[in-house]
PDB file of N, CA and C in Angstrom:
ATOM      1  N   MET A   1     -37.810 -10.443  68.576  1.00  0.00           N
ATOM      2  CA  MET A   1     -38.253 -11.230  69.758  1.00  0.00           C
ATOM      3  C   MET A   1     -39.079  -9.353  69.981  1.00  0.00           C
ATOM      4  N   LYS A   2     -40.469  -9.211  70.822  1.00  0.00           N
ATOM      5  CA  LYS A   2     -41.239  -8.381  70.820  1.00  0.00           C
ATOM      6  C   LYS A   2     -40.339  -7.607  72.126  1.00  0.00           C
ATOM      7  N   ASN A   3     -41.070  -6.462  71.695  1.00  0.00           N
ATOM      8  CA  ASN A   3     -40.044  -5.431  73.119  1.00  0.00           C
ATOM      9  C   ASN A   3     -41.438  -5.180  72.884  1.00  0.00           C
ATOM     10  N   LEU A   4     -41.704  -5.341  74.182  1.00  0.00           N
ATOM     11  CA  LEU A   4     -42.435  -5.004  75.384  1.00  0.00           C
ATOM     12  C   LEU A   4     -42.914  -4.084  75.995  1.00  0.00           C
ATOM     13  N   ARG A   5     -40.981  -3.974  76.253  1.00  0.00           N
ATOM     14  CA  ARG A   5     -40.764  -2.399  77.051  1.00  0.00           C
ATOM     15  C   ARG A   5     -41.536  -1.520  76.394  1.00  0.00           C
ATOM     16  N   ILE A   6     -41.400  -1.410  75.257  1.00  0.00           N
ATOM     17  CA  ILE A   6     -41.844   0.180  74.749  1.00  0.00           C
ATOM     18  C   ILE A   6     -43.154   0.136  75.347  1.00  0.00           C
ATOM     19  N   LYS A   7     -44.232  -0.710  74.489  1.00  0.00           N
ATOM     20  CA  LYS A   7     -45.491  -0.901  74.455  1.00  0.00           C
ATOM     21  C   LYS A   7     -45.868  -0.353  75.883  1.00  0.00           C
ATOM     22  N   SER A   8     -45.128  -1.155  76.766  1.00  0.00           N
ATOM     23  CA  SER A   8     -45.652  -1.225  78.502  1.00  0.00           C
ATOM     24  C   SER A   8     -45.194   0.442  78.853  1.00  0.00           C
ATOM     25  N   ALA A   9     -44.064   0.788  78.010  1.00  0.00           N
ATOM     26  CA  ALA A   9     -44.217   2.679  78.483  1.00  0.00           C
ATOM     27  C   ALA A   9     -44.852   3.529  77.871  1.00  0.00           C
ATOM     28  N   ARG A  10     -45.302   3.118  76.394  1.00  0.00           N
ATOM     29  CA  ARG A  10     -46.266   3.765  75.650  1.00  0.00           C
ATOM     30  C   ARG A  10     -47.261   3.720  75.945  1.00  0.00           C
ATOM     31  N   ALA A  11     -47.802   3.071  76.683  1.00  0.00           N
ATOM     32  CA  ALA A  11     -49.303   2.158  77.391  1.00  0.00           C
ATOM     33  C   ALA A  11     -49.179   3.093  78.579  1.00  0.00           C
ATOM     34  N   ALA A  12     -48.034   3.627  79.588  1.00  0.00           N
ATOM     35  CA  ALA A  12     -47.854   4.341  80.591  1.00  0.00           C
ATOM     36  C   ALA A  12     -48.437   4.941  80.440  1.00  0.00           C
ATOM     37  N   LYS A  13     -47.557   6.358  78.738  1.00  0.00           N
ATOM     38  CA  LYS A  13     -47.812   7.826  79.340  1.00  0.00           C
ATOM     39  C   LYS A  13     -49.331   7.751  78.420  1.00  0.00           C
ATOM     40  N   ASP A  14     -50.052   6.532  79.023  1.00  0.00           N
ATOM     41  CA  ASP A  14     -51.376   7.226  77.699  1.00  0.00           C
ATOM     42  C   ASP A  14     -51.436   7.600  76.249  1.00  0.00           C
ATOM     43  N   LEU A  15     -50.159   6.344  75.753  1.00  0.00           N
ATOM     44  CA  LEU A  15     -50.027   7.419  74.142  1.00  0.00           C
ATOM     45  C   LEU A  15     -50.738   6.214  73.471  1.00  0.00           C
ATOM     46  N   SER A  16     -51.433   6.514  72.528  1.00  0.00           N
ATOM     47  CA  SER A  16     -51.647   5.534  71.289  1.00  0.00           C
ATOM     48  C   SER A  16     -50.347   5.537  70.263  1.00  0.00           C
ATOM     49  N   GLN A  17     -50.334   4.289  69.079  1.00  0.00           N
ATOM     50  CA  GLN A  17     -48.979   3.989  68.823  1.00  0.00           C
ATOM     51  C   GLN A  17     -49.015   5.262  67.375  1.00  0.00           C
ATOM     52  N   GLN A  18     -49.758   5.349  67.125  1.00  0.00           N
ATOM     53  CA  GLN A  18     -50.486   6.836  66.492  1.00  0.00           C
ATOM     54  C   GLN A  18     -49.897   8.142  67.240  1.00  0.00           C
ATOM     55  N   GLN A  19     -50.142   8.661  68.273  1.00  0.00           N
ATOM     56  CA  GLN A  19     -49.606   9.161  69.399  1.00  0.00           C
ATOM     57  C   GLN A  19     -48.326   9.414  69.112  1.00  0.00           C
ATOM     58  N   LEU A  20     -47.685   8.248  69.756  1.00  0.00           N
ATOM     59  CA  LEU A  20     -46.241   7.772  69.684  1.00  0.00           C
ATOM     60  C   LEU A  20     -45.215   8.049  67.783  1.00  0.00           C
ATOM     61  N   ALA A  21     -46.098   7.846  67.442  1.00  0.00           N
ATOM     62  CA  ALA A  21     -45.608   7.061  65.801  1.00  0.00           C
ATOM     63  C   ALA A  21     -45.151   9.231  65.264  1.00  0.00           C
ATOM     64  N   ASP A  22     -46.291  10.410  65.901  1.00  0.00           N
ATOM     65  CA  ASP A  22     -46.527  11.552  65.039  1.00  0.00           C
ATOM     66  C   ASP A  22     -44.873  12.424  66.240  1.00  0.00           C
ATOM     67  N   LEU A  23     -44.649  11.780  66.938  1.00  0.00           N
ATOM     68  CA  LEU A  23     -43.714  12.685  68.126  1.00  0.00           C
ATOM     69  C   LEU A  23     -42.682  12.069  67.774  1.00  0.00           C
ATOM     70  N   VAL A  24     -42.290  10.987  67.343  1.00  0.00           N
ATOM     71  CA  VAL A  24     -40.915  10.655  66.578  1.00  0.00           C
ATOM     72  C   VAL A  24     -40.605  10.708  65.340  1.00  0.00           C
ATOM     73  N   GLY A  25     -41.493  10.918  64.762  1.00  0.00           N
ATOM     74  CA  GLY A  25     -41.785  11.101  62.924  1.00  0.00           C
ATOM     75  C   GLY A  25     -41.443  10.207  62.581  1.00  0.00           C
ATOM     76  N   VAL A  26     -42.488   8.850  62.569  1.00  0.00           N
ATOM     77  CA  VAL A  26     -42.318   8.114  61.888  1.00  0.00           C
ATOM     78  C   VAL A  26     -43.897   7.235  61.654  1.00  0.00           C
ATOM     79  N   SER A  27     -44.271   6.418  60.628  1.00  0.00           N
ATOM     80  CA  SER A  27     -45.659   6.171  60.922  1.00  0.00           C
ATOM     81  C   SER A  27     -46.059   4.943  61.649  1.00  0.00           C
ATOM     82  N   ARG A  28     -47.609   5.212  61.695  1.00  0.00           N
ATOM     83  CA  ARG A  28     -48.129   3.380  63.024  1.00  0.00           C
ATOM     84  C   ARG A  28     -47.070   2.864  62.664  1.00  0.00           C
ATOM     85  N   GLN A  29     -47.249   2.063  61.612  1.00  0.00           N
ATOM     86  CA  GLN A  29     -46.505   0.942  61.027  1.00  0.00           C
ATOM     87  C   GLN A  29     -45.166   0.660  61.480  1.00  0.00           C
ATOM     88  N   THR A  30     -44.740   1.891  61.461  1.00  0.00           N
ATOM     89  CA  THR A  30     -43.148   1.390  62.428  1.00  0.00           C
ATOM     90  C   THR A  30     -43.594   1.595  63.937  1.00  0.00           C
ATOM     91  N   ILE A  31     -43.400   1.986  64.034  1.00  0.00           N
ATOM     92  CA  ILE A  31     -44.121   1.494  65.489  1.00  0.00           C
ATOM     93  C   ILE A  31     -44.489   0.307  66.321  1.00  0.00           C
ATOM     94  N   ASN A  32     -45.463  -0.122  65.349  1.00  0.00           N
ATOM     95  CA  ASN A  32     -45.940  -1.744  65.498  1.00  0.00           C
ATOM     96  C   ASN A  32     -45.033  -2.243  65.093  1.00  0.00           C
ATOM     97  N   ALA A  33     -44.659  -2.666  64.808  1.00  0.00           N
ATOM     98  CA  ALA A  33     -43.336  -3.437  63.417  1.00  0.00           C
ATOM     99  C   ALA A  33     -42.980  -3.222  64.443  1.00  0.00           C
ATOM    100  N   ILE A  34     -41.877  -2.281  65.381  1.00  0.00           N
ATOM    101  CA  ILE A  34     -40.810  -2.469  66.924  1.00  0.00           C
ATOM    102  C   ILE A  34     -41.750  -2.973  67.634  1.00  0.00           C
ATOM    103  N   GLU A  35     -42.747  -3.473  67.485  1.00  0.00           N
ATOM    104  CA  GLU A  35     -43.187  -3.428  69.352  1.00  0.00           C
ATOM    105  C   GLU A  35     -43.377  -5.146  69.132  1.00  0.00           C
ATOM    106  N   LEU A  36     -43.858  -5.828  67.685  1.00  0.00           N
ATOM    107  CA  LEU A  36     -44.104  -6.357  67.163  1.00  0.00           C
ATOM    108  C   LEU A  36     -42.882  -7.208  67.158  1.00  0.00           C
ATOM    109  N   GLY A  37     -41.164  -6.748  66.991  1.00  0.00           N
ATOM    110  CA  GLY A  37     -39.989  -7.599  66.949  1.00  0.00           C
ATOM    111  C   GLY A  37     -39.350  -7.552  65.544  1.00  0.00           C
ATOM    112  N   ASN A  38     -40.402  -7.131  64.489  1.00  0.00           N
ATOM    113  CA  ASN A  38     -40.223  -7.167  63.073  1.00  0.00           C
ATOM    114  C   ASN A  38     -39.295  -6.132  62.484  1.00  0.00           C
ATOM    115  N   TYR A  39     -38.842  -4.985  63.534  1.00  0.00           N
ATOM    116  CA  TYR A  39     -37.859  -4.030  63.114  1.00  0.00           C
ATOM    117  C   TYR A  39     -37.190  -3.293  63.724  1.00  0.00           C
ATOM    118  N   ASN A  40     -36.004  -3.079  63.588  1.00  0.00           N
ATOM    119  CA  ASN A  40     -35.370  -2.786  64.792  1.00  0.00           C
ATOM    120  C   ASN A  40     -34.659  -1.219  63.984  1.00  0.00           C
ATOM    121  N   PRO A  41     -34.897  -0.664  64.955  1.00  0.00           N
ATOM    122  CA  PRO A  41     -35.134   0.859  64.582  1.00  0.00           C
ATOM    123  C   PRO A  41     -33.679   1.071  64.621  1.00  0.00           C
ATOM    124  N   THR A  42     -32.966   2.242  63.716  1.00  0.00           N
ATOM    125  CA  THR A  42     -32.001   3.497  64.039  1.00  0.00           C
ATOM    126  C   THR A  42     -31.544   3.646  64.999  1.00  0.00           C
ATOM    127  N   ILE A  43     -30.749   4.069  65.364  1.00  0.00           N
ATOM    128  CA  ILE A  43     -29.974   4.477  67.225  1.00  0.00           C
ATOM    129  C   ILE A  43     -30.502   5.500  67.172  1.00  0.00           C
ATOM    130  N   LYS A  44     -30.870   6.685  65.939  1.00  0.00           N
ATOM    131  CA  LYS A  44     -31.773   8.031  65.991  1.00  0.00           C
ATOM    132  C   LYS A  44     -32.976   8.113  65.949  1.00  0.00           C
ATOM    133  N   LEU A  45     -33.828   6.888  65.712  1.00  0.00           N
ATOM    134  CA  LEU A  45     -34.391   6.699  66.420  1.00  0.00           C
ATOM    135  C   LEU A  45     -35.609   5.848  67.535  1.00  0.00           C
ATOM    136  N   CYS A  46     -34.502   4.799  67.823  1.00  0.00           N
ATOM    137  CA  CYS A  46     -34.127   4.399  69.586  1.00  0.00           C
ATOM    138  C   CYS A  46     -33.923   6.251  70.560  1.00  0.00           C
ATOM    139  N   LEU A  47     -33.163   6.439  70.749  1.00  0.00           N
ATOM    140  CA  LEU A  47     -33.128   8.009  71.139  1.00  0.00           C
ATOM    141  C   LEU A  47     -33.984   8.722  71.270  1.00  0.00           C
ATOM    142  N   ALA A  48     -34.935   8.980  70.403  1.00  0.00           N
ATOM    143  CA  ALA A  48     -36.227   9.719  70.495  1.00  0.00           C
ATOM    144  C   ALA A  48     -37.255   9.083  70.659  1.00  0.00           C
ATOM    145  N   LEU A  49     -37.433   7.962  70.599  1.00  0.00           N
ATOM    146  CA  LEU A  49     -38.707   6.901  71.305  1.00  0.00           C
ATOM    147  C   LEU A  49     -37.642   6.958  72.940  1.00  0.00           C
ATOM    148  N   CYS A  50     -36.613   6.890  73.661  1.00  0.00           N
ATOM    149  CA  CYS A  50     -36.421   7.605  74.713  1.00  0.00           C
ATOM    150  C   CYS A  50     -36.775   8.484  75.161  1.00  0.00           C
ATOM    151  N   LYS A  51     -36.135   9.515  74.533  1.00  0.00           N
ATOM    152  CA  LYS A  51     -36.582  11.178  75.261  1.00  0.00           C
ATOM    153  C   LYS A  51     -38.476  11.222  74.749  1.00  0.00           C
ATOM    154  N   ALA A  52     -39.160  10.415  74.054  1.00  0.00           N
ATOM    155  CA  ALA A  52     -40.348  10.777  73.611  1.00  0.00           C
ATOM    156  C   ALA A  52     -41.403  10.090  75.087  1.00  0.00           C
ATOM    157  N   LEU A  53     -40.451   9.241  75.707  1.00  0.00           N
ATOM    158  CA  LEU A  53     -41.123   8.295  76.521  1.00  0.00           C
ATOM    159  C   LEU A  53     -40.533   8.186  77.965  1.00  0.00           C
ATOM    160  N   ASP A  54     -39.685   9.147  77.990  1.00  0.00           N
ATOM    161  CA  ASP A  54     -38.831   9.202  79.372  1.00  0.00           C
ATOM    162  C   ASP A  54     -38.460   8.162  80.218  1.00  0.00           C
ATOM    163  N   LYS A  55     -37.307   7.195  79.257  1.00  0.00           N
ATOM    164  CA  LYS A  55     -36.771   6.116  79.791  1.00  0.00           C
ATOM    165  C   LYS A  55     -35.568   6.547  78.810  1.00  0.00           C
ATOM    166  N   THR A  56     -34.522   5.262  79.514  1.00  0.00           N
ATOM    167  CA  THR A  56     -33.047   5.612  78.885  1.00  0.00           C
ATOM    168  C   THR A  56     -32.820   4.583  77.667  1.00  0.00           C
ATOM    169  N   LEU A  57     -32.170   4.419  77.143  1.00  0.00           N
ATOM    170  CA  LEU A  57     -31.339   3.233  76.011  1.00  0.00           C
ATOM    171  C   LEU A  57     -31.681   1.671  76.482  1.00  0.00           C
ATOM    172  N   ASP A  58     -31.270   1.351  78.084  1.00  0.00           N
ATOM    173  CA  ASP A  58     -31.576   0.483  78.472  1.00  0.00           C
ATOM    174  C   ASP A  58     -32.981  -0.022  78.657  1.00  0.00           C
ATOM    175  N   GLU A  59     -33.249   0.832  79.736  1.00  0.00           N
ATOM    176  CA  GLU A  59     -34.607   0.489  79.252  1.00  0.00           C
ATOM    177  C   GLU A  59     -35.509   0.194  78.724  1.00  0.00           C
ATOM    178  N   LEU A  60     -35.488   0.765  77.256  1.00  0.00           N
ATOM    179  CA  LEU A  60     -36.116   0.553  76.522  1.00  0.00           C
ATOM    180  C   LEU A  60     -35.788  -0.955  75.746  1.00  0.00           C
ATOM    181  N   PHE A  61     -34.131  -1.003  75.312  1.00  0.00           N
ATOM    182  CA  PHE A  61     -33.977  -1.932  74.323  1.00  0.00           C
ATOM    183  C   PHE A  61     -32.499  -2.656  74.973  1.00  0.00           C
ATOM    184  N   TRP A  62     -32.632  -2.522  76.259  1.00  0.00           N
ATOM    185  CA  TRP A  62     -31.221  -4.170  76.138  1.00  0.00           C
ATOM    186  C   TRP A  62     -31.918  -5.032  76.993  1.00  0.00           C
ATOM    187  N   GLU A  63     -30.896  -6.496  76.428  1.00  0.00           N
ATOM    188  CA  GLU A  63     -31.835  -7.490  75.771  1.00  0.00           C
ATOM    189  C   GLU A  63     -31.297  -8.394  77.144  1.00  0.00           C
ATOM    190  N   ASP A  64     -32.120  -9.037  78.367  1.00  0.00           N
ATOM    191  CA  ASP A  64     -31.408  -9.531  79.342  1.00  0.00           C
ATOM    192  C   ASP A  64     -31.785 -11.069  78.905  1.00  0.00           C
ATOM    193  N   ASN A  65     -30.557 -12.022  78.812  1.00  0.00           N
ATOM    194  CA  ASN A  65     -30.264 -12.835  78.506  1.00  0.00           C
ATOM    195  C   ASN A  65     -31.404 -13.729  79.462  1.00  0.00           C
ATOM    196  N   GLU A  66     -32.017 -13.601  80.822  1.00  0.00           N
ATOM    197  CA  GLU A  66     -32.979 -13.820  81.398  1.00  0.00           C
ATOM    198  C   GLU A  66     -34.554 -14.214  80.840  1.00  0.00           C
ATOM    199  N   THR A  67     -35.073 -12.999  79.958  1.00  0.00           N
ATOM    200  CA  THR A  67     -36.033 -12.963  79.760  1.00  0.00           C
ATOM    201  C   THR A  67     -35.489 -13.988  78.432  1.00  0.00           C
ATOM    202  N   PRO A  68     -36.886 -14.844  78.228  1.00  0.00           N
ATOM    203  CA  PRO A  68     -37.103 -15.815  77.081  1.00  0.00           C
ATOM    204  C   PRO A  68     -37.420 -14.328  75.671  1.00  0.00           C
TER     205      PRO A  68
END
């Protein structure tokens, strides 16, 4: 499932995939794979993404059953 929440939060902070990747210490390809739903990040990476994007785990990663 695509993670549009991360993409949206990244865009709201005017960050490119590369800039976000640099902030959390991964490759741009990793950020792209997370946004596309092709990679499940570790909890450590999830927390780093939350910190970089000023969001909570729930805001970025909680799966709502009502969302297709």
